[in-house]
Amino acid sequence: MNTPKELRYSEEHEWVKVEGEKIRIGITDFAQSELGDIVFVELPEVGDELQADEPFGSVESVKTVSELYAPISGKVVEVNVDLDDSPEFVNESPYEKAWMIVIEPSDSSELEKLMTAEQYEEMINED
């Protein structure tokens, strides 16, 4: 299982990458492997306001539909439109090609609540 050390992780299996004043968000390698083949991704619009721990979209696989939960509050400033035509990127490249949204956080102290790679690996290994 690929769990990049430089990222932070939520209990809902989203990853967070801090890029200056912005935050890039996607789902983890573990999450995509549990979901199976991704066939559709629904994401918010640029300008939408997200609240931490609230749904912001969904991923549909051949076996289920799963909500995506915002790991941190903020305003959506970029959406990965490539996932409209290529949802399989989520399976192939969850940390590079399949990032989902970029937000400007409204409260960056929320980042402190997220797990390190080591903590996330401990959590998924307990399941």
N, C-alpha and C. Protein backbone atom coordinates (compact mmCIF):
# COMPACT_ATOMS: atom_id res chain seq x y z
N MET A 1 0.86 -1.19 0.00
CA MET A 1 0.00 0.00 0.00
C MET A 1 0.90 1.24 0.00
N ASN A 2 0.61 2.16 -0.88
CA ASN A 2 1.40 3.37 -1.00
C ASN A 2 0.82 4.46 -0.10
N THR A 3 1.60 4.94 0.87
CA THR A 3 1.17 6.00 1.78
C THR A 3 2.29 7.04 1.86
N PRO A 4 2.29 8.01 0.93
CA PRO A 4 3.38 9.01 0.94
C PRO A 4 3.52 9.72 2.29
N LYS A 5 4.77 9.79 2.77
CA LYS A 5 5.06 10.34 4.10
C LYS A 5 4.78 11.84 4.20
N GLU A 6 4.86 12.57 3.08
CA GLU A 6 4.72 14.04 3.15
C GLU A 6 3.26 14.49 3.22
N LEU A 7 2.33 13.56 3.08
CA LEU A 7 0.91 13.92 3.10
C LEU A 7 0.32 13.73 4.49
N ARG A 8 -0.87 14.32 4.70
CA ARG A 8 -1.65 14.10 5.91
C ARG A 8 -2.90 13.33 5.49
N TYR A 9 -3.54 12.65 6.43
CA TYR A 9 -4.64 11.75 6.10
C TYR A 9 -5.82 11.92 7.05
N SER A 10 -7.03 11.71 6.51
CA SER A 10 -8.24 11.77 7.33
C SER A 10 -8.73 10.36 7.64
N GLU A 11 -9.57 10.26 8.66
CA GLU A 11 -10.15 8.95 9.00
C GLU A 11 -11.05 8.43 7.88
N GLU A 12 -11.51 9.33 7.01
CA GLU A 12 -12.39 8.95 5.90
C GLU A 12 -11.59 8.59 4.64
N HIS A 13 -10.27 8.47 4.78
CA HIS A 13 -9.38 8.01 3.70
C HIS A 13 -9.13 9.04 2.60
N GLU A 14 -9.17 10.32 2.97
CA GLU A 14 -8.72 11.36 2.05
C GLU A 14 -7.29 11.73 2.42
N TRP A 15 -6.52 12.11 1.40
CA TRP A 15 -5.18 12.64 1.65
C TRP A 15 -5.18 14.14 1.41
N VAL A 16 -4.24 14.81 2.05
CA VAL A 16 -4.13 16.27 1.99
C VAL A 16 -2.67 16.62 1.74
N LYS A 17 -2.45 17.47 0.75
CA LYS A 17 -1.09 17.95 0.46
C LYS A 17 -1.10 19.47 0.59
N VAL A 18 -0.27 19.99 1.46
CA VAL A 18 -0.17 21.43 1.65
C VAL A 18 0.72 21.99 0.55
N GLU A 19 0.19 22.97 -0.20
CA GLU A 19 0.94 23.62 -1.28
C GLU A 19 0.87 25.12 -1.06
N GLY A 20 1.75 25.63 -0.20
CA GLY A 20 1.71 27.05 0.13
C GLY A 20 0.44 27.38 0.89
N GLU A 21 -0.37 28.29 0.31
CA GLU A 21 -1.62 28.69 0.95
C GLU A 21 -2.79 27.79 0.59
N LYS A 22 -2.54 26.80 -0.27
CA LYS A 22 -3.63 25.95 -0.75
C LYS A 22 -3.44 24.51 -0.30
N ILE A 23 -4.52 23.75 -0.39
CA ILE A 23 -4.54 22.35 0.02
C ILE A 23 -5.08 21.52 -1.14
N ARG A 24 -4.32 20.52 -1.57
CA ARG A 24 -4.77 19.59 -2.61
C ARG A 24 -5.29 18.33 -1.91
N ILE A 25 -6.43 17.80 -2.40
CA ILE A 25 -7.12 16.69 -1.73
C ILE A 25 -7.44 15.58 -2.74
N GLY A 26 -7.31 14.34 -2.28
CA GLY A 26 -7.72 13.18 -3.08
C GLY A 26 -8.03 12.02 -2.14
N ILE A 27 -8.25 10.83 -2.71
CA ILE A 27 -8.45 9.66 -1.85
C ILE A 27 -7.22 8.77 -1.89
N THR A 28 -7.04 8.01 -0.83
CA THR A 28 -5.82 7.23 -0.66
C THR A 28 -5.80 5.98 -1.53
N ASP A 29 -4.60 5.44 -1.66
CA ASP A 29 -4.39 4.19 -2.36
C ASP A 29 -5.22 3.08 -1.69
N PHE A 30 -5.25 3.07 -0.36
CA PHE A 30 -6.04 2.09 0.37
C PHE A 30 -7.52 2.21 0.00
N ALA A 31 -8.04 3.44 -0.02
CA ALA A 31 -9.46 3.65 -0.35
C ALA A 31 -9.79 3.17 -1.75
N GLN A 32 -8.97 3.51 -2.73
CA GLN A 32 -9.27 3.09 -4.11
C GLN A 32 -9.20 1.57 -4.23
N SER A 33 -8.29 0.94 -3.48
CA SER A 33 -8.18 -0.52 -3.58
C SER A 33 -9.39 -1.20 -2.95
N GLU A 34 -9.94 -0.61 -1.89
CA GLU A 34 -11.14 -1.16 -1.25
C GLU A 34 -12.37 -0.97 -2.14
N LEU A 35 -12.42 0.15 -2.86
CA LEU A 35 -13.59 0.45 -3.70
C LEU A 35 -13.64 -0.39 -4.97
N GLY A 36 -12.49 -0.74 -5.50
CA GLY A 36 -12.46 -1.45 -6.77
C GLY A 36 -12.42 -0.46 -7.93
N ASP A 37 -12.80 -0.91 -9.13
CA ASP A 37 -12.70 -0.07 -10.32
C ASP A 37 -13.64 1.12 -10.25
N ILE A 38 -13.06 2.32 -10.28
CA ILE A 38 -13.83 3.57 -10.21
C ILE A 38 -14.39 3.87 -11.61
N VAL A 39 -15.71 4.13 -11.67
CA VAL A 39 -16.34 4.40 -12.96
C VAL A 39 -16.89 5.82 -13.07
N PHE A 40 -17.02 6.54 -11.94
CA PHE A 40 -17.54 7.90 -11.98
C PHE A 40 -17.10 8.66 -10.74
N VAL A 41 -16.75 9.93 -10.92
CA VAL A 41 -16.38 10.80 -9.80
C VAL A 41 -17.23 12.06 -9.87
N GLU A 42 -17.89 12.39 -8.77
CA GLU A 42 -18.69 13.63 -8.70
C GLU A 42 -17.98 14.58 -7.74
N LEU A 43 -17.66 15.77 -8.24
CA LEU A 43 -16.91 16.74 -7.46
C LEU A 43 -17.67 18.06 -7.38
N PRO A 44 -17.32 18.91 -6.40
CA PRO A 44 -17.99 20.21 -6.27
C PRO A 44 -17.55 21.17 -7.38
N GLU A 45 -18.16 22.34 -7.39
CA GLU A 45 -17.80 23.40 -8.35
C GLU A 45 -16.76 24.33 -7.73
N VAL A 46 -15.96 24.96 -8.57
CA VAL A 46 -15.07 26.01 -8.10
C VAL A 46 -15.94 27.09 -7.45
N GLY A 47 -15.51 27.55 -6.29
CA GLY A 47 -16.27 28.57 -5.55
C GLY A 47 -17.10 27.99 -4.42
N ASP A 48 -17.35 26.67 -4.44
CA ASP A 48 -18.12 26.05 -3.36
C ASP A 48 -17.34 26.14 -2.05
N GLU A 49 -18.08 26.32 -0.96
CA GLU A 49 -17.47 26.33 0.38
C GLU A 49 -17.65 24.95 1.00
N LEU A 50 -16.58 24.39 1.51
CA LEU A 50 -16.64 23.08 2.15
C LEU A 50 -16.48 23.21 3.66
N GLN A 51 -17.16 22.33 4.37
CA GLN A 51 -17.01 22.26 5.82
C GLN A 51 -16.30 20.95 6.16
N ALA A 52 -15.36 21.00 7.08
CA ALA A 52 -14.63 19.79 7.49
C ALA A 52 -15.61 18.71 7.92
N ASP A 53 -15.34 17.49 7.52
CA ASP A 53 -16.12 16.30 7.87
C ASP A 53 -17.49 16.24 7.20
N GLU A 54 -17.76 17.14 6.26
CA GLU A 54 -19.03 17.12 5.52
C GLU A 54 -18.76 16.60 4.10
N PRO A 55 -19.74 15.92 3.49
CA PRO A 55 -19.53 15.40 2.13
C PRO A 55 -19.32 16.53 1.11
N PHE A 56 -18.40 16.28 0.16
CA PHE A 56 -18.20 17.27 -0.92
C PHE A 56 -18.35 16.65 -2.30
N GLY A 57 -18.59 15.36 -2.37
CA GLY A 57 -18.73 14.68 -3.65
C GLY A 57 -18.82 13.19 -3.41
N SER A 58 -18.65 12.41 -4.48
CA SER A 58 -18.71 10.96 -4.33
C SER A 58 -17.89 10.29 -5.42
N VAL A 59 -17.52 9.04 -5.15
CA VAL A 59 -16.90 8.19 -6.15
C VAL A 59 -17.76 6.96 -6.29
N GLU A 60 -17.96 6.57 -7.54
CA GLU A 60 -18.78 5.39 -7.83
C GLU A 60 -17.86 4.33 -8.42
N SER A 61 -17.92 3.15 -7.83
CA SER A 61 -17.15 2.03 -8.36
C SER A 61 -18.12 0.98 -8.88
N VAL A 62 -17.60 -0.10 -9.43
CA VAL A 62 -18.47 -1.14 -9.95
C VAL A 62 -19.28 -1.78 -8.83
N LYS A 63 -18.82 -1.64 -7.57
CA LYS A 63 -19.56 -2.29 -6.50
C LYS A 63 -20.26 -1.37 -5.51
N THR A 64 -19.96 -0.08 -5.50
CA THR A 64 -20.58 0.80 -4.50
C THR A 64 -20.42 2.27 -4.88
N VAL A 65 -21.16 3.13 -4.16
CA VAL A 65 -20.97 4.59 -4.25
C VAL A 65 -20.52 5.04 -2.87
N SER A 66 -19.44 5.80 -2.80
CA SER A 66 -18.92 6.29 -1.52
C SER A 66 -18.86 7.81 -1.53
N GLU A 67 -19.29 8.39 -0.40
CA GLU A 67 -19.18 9.84 -0.23
C GLU A 67 -17.72 10.21 -0.04
N LEU A 68 -17.38 11.42 -0.48
CA LEU A 68 -16.08 12.01 -0.20
C LEU A 68 -16.31 13.05 0.90
N TYR A 69 -15.48 13.02 1.93
CA TYR A 69 -15.64 13.96 3.05
C TYR A 69 -14.49 14.95 3.08
N ALA A 70 -14.82 16.21 3.26
CA ALA A 70 -13.79 17.26 3.31
C ALA A 70 -12.94 17.06 4.57
N PRO A 71 -11.64 16.90 4.41
CA PRO A 71 -10.78 16.76 5.58
C PRO A 71 -10.54 18.09 6.29
N ILE A 72 -10.86 19.18 5.59
CA ILE A 72 -10.61 20.52 6.11
C ILE A 72 -11.60 21.50 5.46
N SER A 73 -11.98 22.54 6.17
CA SER A 73 -12.91 23.54 5.64
C SER A 73 -12.20 24.50 4.70
N GLY A 74 -12.94 25.00 3.70
CA GLY A 74 -12.34 25.98 2.80
C GLY A 74 -13.14 26.15 1.53
N LYS A 75 -12.61 27.00 0.66
CA LYS A 75 -13.26 27.33 -0.61
C LYS A 75 -12.55 26.58 -1.75
N VAL A 76 -13.34 25.93 -2.60
CA VAL A 76 -12.80 25.20 -3.74
C VAL A 76 -12.27 26.20 -4.77
N VAL A 77 -10.99 26.08 -5.13
CA VAL A 77 -10.39 26.98 -6.12
C VAL A 77 -9.99 26.26 -7.40
N GLU A 78 -9.99 24.92 -7.35
CA GLU A 78 -9.64 24.15 -8.55
C GLU A 78 -10.27 22.77 -8.42
N VAL A 79 -10.74 22.23 -9.55
CA VAL A 79 -11.33 20.90 -9.59
C VAL A 79 -10.64 20.12 -10.71
N ASN A 80 -10.35 18.85 -10.47
CA ASN A 80 -9.68 18.03 -11.47
C ASN A 80 -10.70 17.53 -12.50
N VAL A 81 -10.88 18.30 -13.57
CA VAL A 81 -11.86 17.96 -14.61
C VAL A 81 -11.44 16.73 -15.41
N ASP A 82 -10.16 16.35 -15.33
CA ASP A 82 -9.71 15.14 -16.04
C ASP A 82 -10.44 13.90 -15.55
N LEU A 83 -10.93 13.93 -14.30
CA LEU A 83 -11.62 12.77 -13.75
C LEU A 83 -13.00 12.56 -14.37
N ASP A 84 -13.56 13.60 -15.02
CA ASP A 84 -14.84 13.44 -15.72
C ASP A 84 -14.72 12.38 -16.82
N ASP A 85 -13.65 12.46 -17.59
CA ASP A 85 -13.44 11.54 -18.71
C ASP A 85 -12.59 10.33 -18.34
N SER A 86 -11.83 10.44 -17.26
CA SER A 86 -10.89 9.37 -16.90
C SER A 86 -10.97 9.03 -15.41
N PRO A 87 -12.12 8.53 -14.93
CA PRO A 87 -12.23 8.20 -13.50
C PRO A 87 -11.26 7.10 -13.09
N GLU A 88 -10.78 6.32 -14.06
CA GLU A 88 -9.84 5.25 -13.75
C GLU A 88 -8.51 5.77 -13.20
N PHE A 89 -8.22 7.08 -13.36
CA PHE A 89 -7.03 7.68 -12.77
C PHE A 89 -7.00 7.44 -11.26
N VAL A 90 -8.19 7.38 -10.63
CA VAL A 90 -8.25 7.17 -9.18
C VAL A 90 -7.60 5.83 -8.82
N ASN A 91 -7.82 4.82 -9.64
CA ASN A 91 -7.20 3.52 -9.39
C ASN A 91 -5.73 3.50 -9.80
N GLU A 92 -5.42 4.16 -10.90
CA GLU A 92 -4.07 4.09 -11.46
C GLU A 92 -3.07 4.98 -10.74
N SER A 93 -3.52 6.14 -10.29
CA SER A 93 -2.59 7.15 -9.78
C SER A 93 -3.27 8.03 -8.73
N PRO A 94 -3.62 7.44 -7.56
CA PRO A 94 -4.42 8.20 -6.58
C PRO A 94 -3.75 9.46 -6.04
N TYR A 95 -2.40 9.52 -6.07
CA TYR A 95 -1.72 10.68 -5.49
C TYR A 95 -1.24 11.69 -6.53
N GLU A 96 -1.18 11.29 -7.80
CA GLU A 96 -0.68 12.22 -8.81
C GLU A 96 -1.81 12.68 -9.73
N LYS A 97 -2.21 11.83 -10.66
CA LYS A 97 -3.22 12.21 -11.66
C LYS A 97 -4.61 12.39 -11.05
N ALA A 98 -4.90 11.68 -9.98
CA ALA A 98 -6.28 11.65 -9.46
C ALA A 98 -6.52 12.54 -8.26
N TRP A 99 -5.72 13.61 -8.09
CA TRP A 99 -6.11 14.58 -7.08
C TRP A 99 -7.52 15.05 -7.44
N MET A 100 -8.32 15.46 -6.49
CA MET A 100 -9.71 15.79 -6.78
C MET A 100 -10.00 17.27 -6.77
N ILE A 101 -9.60 17.93 -5.69
CA ILE A 101 -9.87 19.37 -5.58
C ILE A 101 -8.69 20.07 -4.91
N VAL A 102 -8.64 21.39 -5.13
CA VAL A 102 -7.71 22.25 -4.41
C VAL A 102 -8.57 23.28 -3.69
N ILE A 103 -8.30 23.48 -2.40
CA ILE A 103 -9.05 24.47 -1.64
C ILE A 103 -8.12 25.49 -1.00
N GLU A 104 -8.71 26.65 -0.71
CA GLU A 104 -8.05 27.64 0.16
C GLU A 104 -8.67 27.42 1.53
N PRO A 105 -7.89 26.93 2.50
CA PRO A 105 -8.48 26.60 3.80
C PRO A 105 -8.95 27.84 4.54
N SER A 106 -10.07 27.69 5.25
CA SER A 106 -10.58 28.80 6.05
C SER A 106 -10.01 28.75 7.46
N ASP A 107 -9.50 27.59 7.87
CA ASP A 107 -8.91 27.45 9.21
C ASP A 107 -7.80 26.41 9.12
N SER A 108 -6.58 26.87 8.87
CA SER A 108 -5.49 25.91 8.67
C SER A 108 -5.14 25.13 9.94
N SER A 109 -5.64 25.54 11.10
CA SER A 109 -5.37 24.75 12.32
C SER A 109 -6.06 23.38 12.24
N GLU A 110 -7.06 23.23 11.34
CA GLU A 110 -7.72 21.93 11.16
C GLU A 110 -6.73 20.88 10.65
N LEU A 111 -5.64 21.32 10.02
CA LEU A 111 -4.63 20.38 9.53
C LEU A 111 -4.03 19.56 10.66
N GLU A 112 -3.97 20.16 11.85
CA GLU A 112 -3.36 19.47 12.99
C GLU A 112 -4.16 18.25 13.41
N LYS A 113 -5.44 18.18 13.05
CA LYS A 113 -6.28 17.04 13.42
C LYS A 113 -6.06 15.84 12.50
N LEU A 114 -5.40 16.05 11.37
CA LEU A 114 -5.19 14.98 10.41
C LEU A 114 -4.02 14.09 10.83
N MET A 115 -4.04 12.86 10.34
CA MET A 115 -3.02 11.87 10.72
C MET A 115 -1.78 11.98 9.84
N THR A 116 -0.67 11.58 10.43
CA THR A 116 0.56 11.40 9.66
C THR A 116 0.41 10.08 8.89
N ALA A 117 1.34 9.83 7.98
CA ALA A 117 1.33 8.58 7.22
C ALA A 117 1.42 7.38 8.17
N GLU A 118 2.25 7.48 9.19
CA GLU A 118 2.42 6.38 10.14
C GLU A 118 1.12 6.11 10.89
N GLN A 119 0.45 7.18 11.35
CA GLN A 119 -0.82 7.02 12.07
C GLN A 119 -1.89 6.42 11.16
N TYR A 120 -1.92 6.88 9.90
CA TYR A 120 -2.91 6.36 8.95
C TYR A 120 -2.67 4.87 8.70
N GLU A 121 -1.41 4.49 8.50
CA GLU A 121 -1.09 3.07 8.27
C GLU A 121 -1.50 2.22 9.47
N GLU A 122 -1.29 2.73 10.68
CA GLU A 122 -1.73 2.00 11.88
C GLU A 122 -3.24 1.80 11.85
N MET A 123 -3.97 2.86 11.49
CA MET A 123 -5.44 2.77 11.46
C MET A 123 -5.91 1.73 10.44
N ILE A 124 -5.37 1.76 9.22
CA ILE A 124 -5.87 0.82 8.21
C ILE A 124 -5.43 -0.61 8.49
N ASN A 125 -4.33 -0.78 9.21
CA ASN A 125 -3.88 -2.12 9.54
C ASN A 125 -4.67 -2.74 10.68
N GLU A 126 -5.39 -1.90 11.43
CA GLU A 126 -6.25 -2.40 12.50
C GLU A 126 -7.54 -2.99 11.96
N ASP A 127 -7.97 -2.50 10.76
CA ASP A 127 -9.27 -2.93 10.22
C ASP A 127 -9.34 -4.40 9.95
